[in-house]
């Protein structure tokens, strides 16, 4: 799997102050009732052993194991002013309006 970070996403990521020991991380969140779906959370978070590191365009982003299992194609992280981050694959846009949450101080 290839993970690309656009120039627009890099520019926005560089505005965040990374707390010591934290990294940018995309995590799958399982949700549903009669049917199920995956939503994605983008956060400043601690990295776990099973997370996978991706580096592109001078930036580092980690993906959790469930995201890698669920998405089996190249991904691109993009940023659009006023809309937020987008997680895009060749077959679909996986998530719109991602905003970086702070899970660590």
N, C-alpha and C. Protein backbone atom coordinates (compact mmCIF):
# COMPACT_ATOMS: atom_id res chain seq x y z
N UNK A 1 0.84 -1.17 0.00
CA UNK A 1 0.00 0.00 0.00
C UNK A 1 0.89 1.24 0.00
N UNK A 2 0.50 2.21 -0.80
CA UNK A 2 1.18 3.49 -0.86
C UNK A 2 0.30 4.54 -0.20
N UNK A 3 0.90 5.41 0.60
CA UNK A 3 0.18 6.48 1.28
C UNK A 3 0.82 7.81 0.88
N UNK A 4 0.03 8.67 0.23
CA UNK A 4 0.52 9.95 -0.28
C UNK A 4 -0.08 11.09 0.52
N UNK A 5 0.73 12.09 0.80
CA UNK A 5 0.28 13.29 1.49
C UNK A 5 0.45 14.45 0.53
N UNK A 6 -0.65 15.11 0.18
CA UNK A 6 -0.59 16.21 -0.78
C UNK A 6 0.10 17.43 -0.15
N UNK A 7 0.52 18.35 -1.00
CA UNK A 7 1.14 19.59 -0.50
C UNK A 7 0.19 20.37 0.39
N UNK A 8 -1.10 20.37 0.04
CA UNK A 8 -2.09 21.09 0.85
C UNK A 8 -2.22 20.46 2.24
N UNK A 9 -2.22 19.12 2.30
CA UNK A 9 -2.30 18.43 3.58
C UNK A 9 -1.03 18.68 4.40
N UNK A 10 0.12 18.63 3.75
CA UNK A 10 1.39 18.88 4.46
C UNK A 10 1.39 20.27 5.07
N UNK A 11 0.97 21.25 4.29
CA UNK A 11 0.96 22.63 4.77
C UNK A 11 0.08 22.76 6.02
N UNK A 12 -1.07 22.12 6.03
CA UNK A 12 -1.97 22.18 7.19
C UNK A 12 -1.40 21.39 8.37
N UNK A 13 -0.84 20.20 8.12
CA UNK A 13 -0.28 19.38 9.19
C UNK A 13 0.84 20.13 9.91
N UNK A 14 1.60 20.93 9.18
CA UNK A 14 2.72 21.65 9.78
C UNK A 14 2.26 22.75 10.74
N UNK A 15 0.98 23.08 10.74
CA UNK A 15 0.47 24.10 11.66
C UNK A 15 0.16 23.54 13.05
N UNK A 16 0.17 22.22 13.20
CA UNK A 16 -0.14 21.58 14.48
C UNK A 16 1.12 21.43 15.32
N UNK A 17 0.97 21.63 16.60
CA UNK A 17 2.04 21.42 17.56
C UNK A 17 1.91 19.98 18.07
N UNK A 18 2.86 19.14 17.72
CA UNK A 18 2.81 17.74 18.14
C UNK A 18 3.28 17.60 19.58
N UNK A 19 2.41 17.12 20.47
CA UNK A 19 2.86 16.85 21.84
C UNK A 19 3.93 15.75 21.84
N UNK A 20 4.77 15.78 22.84
CA UNK A 20 5.84 14.78 22.95
C UNK A 20 5.23 13.38 22.97
N UNK A 21 5.75 12.50 22.13
CA UNK A 21 5.28 11.12 22.08
C UNK A 21 4.05 10.90 21.22
N UNK A 22 3.53 11.95 20.59
CA UNK A 22 2.32 11.83 19.78
C UNK A 22 2.66 11.90 18.29
N UNK A 23 1.78 11.34 17.49
CA UNK A 23 1.92 11.36 16.05
C UNK A 23 0.54 11.53 15.42
N UNK A 24 0.52 11.87 14.15
CA UNK A 24 -0.74 11.89 13.41
C UNK A 24 -1.13 10.45 13.14
N UNK A 25 -2.40 10.12 13.42
CA UNK A 25 -2.85 8.73 13.28
C UNK A 25 -4.28 8.68 12.76
N UNK A 26 -4.49 7.79 11.79
CA UNK A 26 -5.84 7.53 11.26
C UNK A 26 -6.30 6.19 11.80
N UNK A 27 -7.49 6.20 12.40
CA UNK A 27 -8.04 5.01 13.03
C UNK A 27 -9.43 4.73 12.48
N UNK A 28 -9.73 3.46 12.23
CA UNK A 28 -11.07 3.05 11.81
C UNK A 28 -11.96 2.93 13.03
N UNK A 29 -13.18 3.46 12.90
CA UNK A 29 -14.17 3.35 13.95
C UNK A 29 -15.35 2.58 13.38
N UNK A 30 -15.63 1.41 13.93
CA UNK A 30 -16.74 0.56 13.49
C UNK A 30 -18.03 1.13 14.04
N UNK A 31 -19.03 1.29 13.17
CA UNK A 31 -20.33 1.76 13.63
C UNK A 31 -21.43 1.08 12.83
N UNK A 32 -22.61 1.07 13.38
CA UNK A 32 -23.73 0.49 12.65
C UNK A 32 -24.74 -0.15 13.57
N UNK A 33 -25.80 -0.59 12.96
CA UNK A 33 -26.87 -1.27 13.68
C UNK A 33 -27.25 -2.48 12.86
N UNK A 34 -28.24 -2.32 11.97
CA UNK A 34 -28.66 -3.40 11.09
C UNK A 34 -27.58 -3.71 10.05
N UNK A 35 -26.86 -2.69 9.66
CA UNK A 35 -25.72 -2.89 8.77
C UNK A 35 -24.53 -2.20 9.43
N UNK A 36 -23.35 -2.41 8.91
CA UNK A 36 -22.18 -1.81 9.54
C UNK A 36 -21.42 -0.98 8.53
N UNK A 37 -20.66 -0.07 9.07
CA UNK A 37 -19.81 0.78 8.25
C UNK A 37 -18.59 1.18 9.06
N UNK A 38 -17.59 1.69 8.39
CA UNK A 38 -16.40 2.20 9.05
C UNK A 38 -16.32 3.70 8.84
N UNK A 39 -16.09 4.41 9.91
CA UNK A 39 -15.79 5.82 9.85
C UNK A 39 -14.33 5.96 10.24
N UNK A 40 -13.76 7.11 9.99
CA UNK A 40 -12.34 7.30 10.25
C UNK A 40 -12.12 8.50 11.14
N UNK A 41 -11.19 8.35 12.06
CA UNK A 41 -10.81 9.42 12.97
C UNK A 41 -9.36 9.78 12.68
N UNK A 42 -9.09 11.07 12.62
CA UNK A 42 -7.73 11.58 12.41
C UNK A 42 -7.35 12.32 13.68
N UNK A 43 -6.28 11.90 14.33
CA UNK A 43 -5.97 12.46 15.64
C UNK A 43 -4.48 12.55 15.90
N UNK A 44 -4.14 13.39 16.86
CA UNK A 44 -2.82 13.38 17.47
C UNK A 44 -2.93 12.35 18.58
N UNK A 45 -2.22 11.25 18.44
CA UNK A 45 -2.43 10.11 19.33
C UNK A 45 -1.12 9.38 19.53
N UNK A 46 -1.10 8.51 20.54
CA UNK A 46 0.05 7.64 20.76
C UNK A 46 0.01 6.50 19.75
N UNK A 47 1.16 6.11 19.28
CA UNK A 47 1.28 5.01 18.32
C UNK A 47 1.33 3.70 19.09
N UNK A 48 0.62 2.70 18.54
CA UNK A 48 0.65 1.36 19.12
C UNK A 48 1.57 0.48 18.26
N UNK A 49 1.99 -0.62 18.83
CA UNK A 49 2.91 -1.52 18.15
C UNK A 49 2.36 -2.02 16.82
N UNK A 50 1.04 -2.24 16.74
CA UNK A 50 0.44 -2.79 15.52
C UNK A 50 0.14 -1.72 14.45
N UNK A 51 0.37 -0.43 14.76
CA UNK A 51 0.15 0.63 13.79
C UNK A 51 1.26 0.61 12.73
N UNK A 52 0.94 1.06 11.54
CA UNK A 52 1.90 1.08 10.44
C UNK A 52 2.25 2.52 10.10
N UNK A 53 3.54 2.77 9.97
CA UNK A 53 4.06 4.10 9.69
C UNK A 53 4.14 4.34 8.19
N UNK A 54 3.66 5.51 7.76
CA UNK A 54 3.78 5.93 6.36
C UNK A 54 4.43 7.31 6.35
N UNK A 55 5.40 7.47 5.47
CA UNK A 55 6.09 8.75 5.33
C UNK A 55 5.98 9.21 3.88
N UNK A 56 5.59 10.46 3.71
CA UNK A 56 5.53 11.04 2.37
C UNK A 56 5.59 12.56 2.50
N UNK A 57 6.22 13.20 1.56
CA UNK A 57 6.24 14.66 1.48
C UNK A 57 6.76 15.28 2.78
N UNK A 58 7.70 14.58 3.44
CA UNK A 58 8.31 15.09 4.66
C UNK A 58 7.46 14.96 5.91
N UNK A 59 6.34 14.25 5.81
CA UNK A 59 5.43 14.09 6.95
C UNK A 59 5.26 12.60 7.26
N UNK A 60 4.84 12.32 8.49
CA UNK A 60 4.59 10.95 8.93
C UNK A 60 3.17 10.83 9.44
N UNK A 61 2.48 9.78 8.98
CA UNK A 61 1.13 9.46 9.45
C UNK A 61 1.09 7.96 9.72
N UNK A 62 0.45 7.57 10.81
CA UNK A 62 0.27 6.16 11.15
C UNK A 62 -1.16 5.74 10.85
N UNK A 63 -1.32 4.49 10.45
CA UNK A 63 -2.65 3.91 10.26
C UNK A 63 -2.76 2.70 11.17
N UNK A 64 -3.92 2.54 11.80
CA UNK A 64 -4.12 1.39 12.68
C UNK A 64 -4.35 0.13 11.84
N UNK A 65 -4.25 -1.01 12.48
CA UNK A 65 -4.35 -2.30 11.80
C UNK A 65 -5.71 -2.51 11.14
N UNK A 66 -6.80 -2.06 11.77
CA UNK A 66 -8.13 -2.23 11.21
C UNK A 66 -8.29 -1.43 9.92
N UNK A 67 -7.74 -0.23 9.87
CA UNK A 67 -7.80 0.56 8.64
C UNK A 67 -7.07 -0.16 7.52
N UNK A 68 -5.89 -0.67 7.80
CA UNK A 68 -5.13 -1.39 6.78
C UNK A 68 -5.85 -2.66 6.32
N UNK A 69 -6.53 -3.33 7.23
CA UNK A 69 -7.27 -4.53 6.87
C UNK A 69 -8.49 -4.19 6.02
N UNK A 70 -9.16 -3.09 6.36
CA UNK A 70 -10.39 -2.69 5.68
C UNK A 70 -10.12 -2.04 4.32
N UNK A 71 -9.07 -1.26 4.22
CA UNK A 71 -8.75 -0.55 2.96
C UNK A 71 -7.54 -1.22 2.33
N UNK A 72 -7.75 -1.85 1.21
CA UNK A 72 -6.66 -2.56 0.55
C UNK A 72 -6.33 -1.88 -0.78
N UNK A 73 -6.02 -0.58 -0.71
CA UNK A 73 -5.62 0.15 -1.90
C UNK A 73 -4.79 1.36 -1.48
N UNK A 74 -4.12 1.97 -2.44
CA UNK A 74 -3.33 3.15 -2.16
C UNK A 74 -4.24 4.26 -1.65
N UNK A 75 -3.70 5.07 -0.75
CA UNK A 75 -4.47 6.16 -0.16
C UNK A 75 -3.76 7.49 -0.32
N UNK A 76 -4.56 8.55 -0.33
CA UNK A 76 -4.03 9.90 -0.38
C UNK A 76 -4.72 10.72 0.69
N UNK A 77 -3.93 11.46 1.46
CA UNK A 77 -4.46 12.40 2.43
C UNK A 77 -4.38 13.78 1.80
N UNK A 78 -5.52 14.44 1.68
CA UNK A 78 -5.60 15.75 1.06
C UNK A 78 -6.26 16.71 2.04
N UNK A 79 -6.10 18.01 1.81
CA UNK A 79 -6.74 19.01 2.65
C UNK A 79 -7.37 20.07 1.76
N UNK A 80 -8.61 20.45 2.11
CA UNK A 80 -9.33 21.50 1.39
C UNK A 80 -9.75 22.54 2.42
N UNK A 81 -9.34 23.80 2.21
CA UNK A 81 -9.73 24.88 3.13
C UNK A 81 -11.24 24.92 3.31
N UNK A 82 -11.67 25.04 4.55
CA UNK A 82 -13.10 25.14 4.85
C UNK A 82 -13.80 23.80 4.92
N UNK A 83 -13.14 22.75 4.46
CA UNK A 83 -13.75 21.42 4.45
C UNK A 83 -13.01 20.46 5.37
N UNK A 84 -11.70 20.56 5.43
CA UNK A 84 -10.90 19.68 6.26
C UNK A 84 -10.14 18.66 5.43
N UNK A 85 -9.64 17.65 6.11
CA UNK A 85 -8.87 16.59 5.45
C UNK A 85 -9.80 15.60 4.78
N UNK A 86 -9.30 14.97 3.72
CA UNK A 86 -10.03 13.91 3.01
C UNK A 86 -9.10 12.71 2.87
N UNK A 87 -9.65 11.53 3.04
CA UNK A 87 -8.93 10.28 2.83
C UNK A 87 -9.46 9.66 1.55
N UNK A 88 -8.60 9.60 0.53
CA UNK A 88 -9.03 9.24 -0.81
C UNK A 88 -8.29 8.00 -1.31
N UNK A 89 -9.03 7.07 -1.91
CA UNK A 89 -8.45 5.93 -2.60
C UNK A 89 -8.83 5.97 -4.06
N UNK A 90 -8.22 5.12 -4.90
CA UNK A 90 -8.57 5.11 -6.32
C UNK A 90 -10.03 4.76 -6.60
N UNK A 91 -10.66 3.99 -5.72
CA UNK A 91 -12.03 3.55 -5.97
C UNK A 91 -13.09 4.42 -5.30
N UNK A 92 -12.69 5.20 -4.28
CA UNK A 92 -13.68 6.00 -3.55
C UNK A 92 -13.01 7.00 -2.62
N UNK A 93 -13.79 7.96 -2.15
CA UNK A 93 -13.35 8.84 -1.08
C UNK A 93 -13.83 8.19 0.22
N UNK A 94 -12.90 7.81 1.07
CA UNK A 94 -13.26 7.10 2.29
C UNK A 94 -13.80 8.03 3.37
N UNK A 95 -13.32 9.25 3.40
CA UNK A 95 -13.80 10.16 4.43
C UNK A 95 -13.62 11.61 4.00
N UNK A 96 -14.65 12.42 4.26
CA UNK A 96 -14.63 13.86 4.09
C UNK A 96 -14.56 14.49 5.48
N UNK A 97 -14.27 15.74 5.54
CA UNK A 97 -14.39 16.54 6.75
C UNK A 97 -13.64 15.98 7.96
N UNK A 98 -12.48 15.39 7.72
CA UNK A 98 -11.67 14.92 8.84
C UNK A 98 -10.97 16.12 9.48
N UNK A 99 -11.11 16.26 10.76
CA UNK A 99 -10.40 17.28 11.52
C UNK A 99 -9.53 16.57 12.53
N UNK A 100 -8.36 17.12 12.79
CA UNK A 100 -7.43 16.48 13.70
C UNK A 100 -7.91 16.68 15.15
N UNK A 101 -8.17 15.56 15.80
CA UNK A 101 -8.54 15.59 17.22
C UNK A 101 -7.28 15.46 18.07
N UNK A 102 -7.31 16.01 19.23
CA UNK A 102 -6.18 15.91 20.14
C UNK A 102 -6.53 14.87 21.21
N UNK A 103 -5.89 13.69 21.11
CA UNK A 103 -6.16 12.64 22.09
C UNK A 103 -5.10 12.59 23.18
N UNK A 104 -4.01 13.35 22.99
CA UNK A 104 -2.94 13.42 23.98
C UNK A 104 -2.63 14.88 24.24
N UNK A 105 -2.09 15.16 25.40
CA UNK A 105 -1.70 16.53 25.73
C UNK A 105 -0.21 16.71 25.68
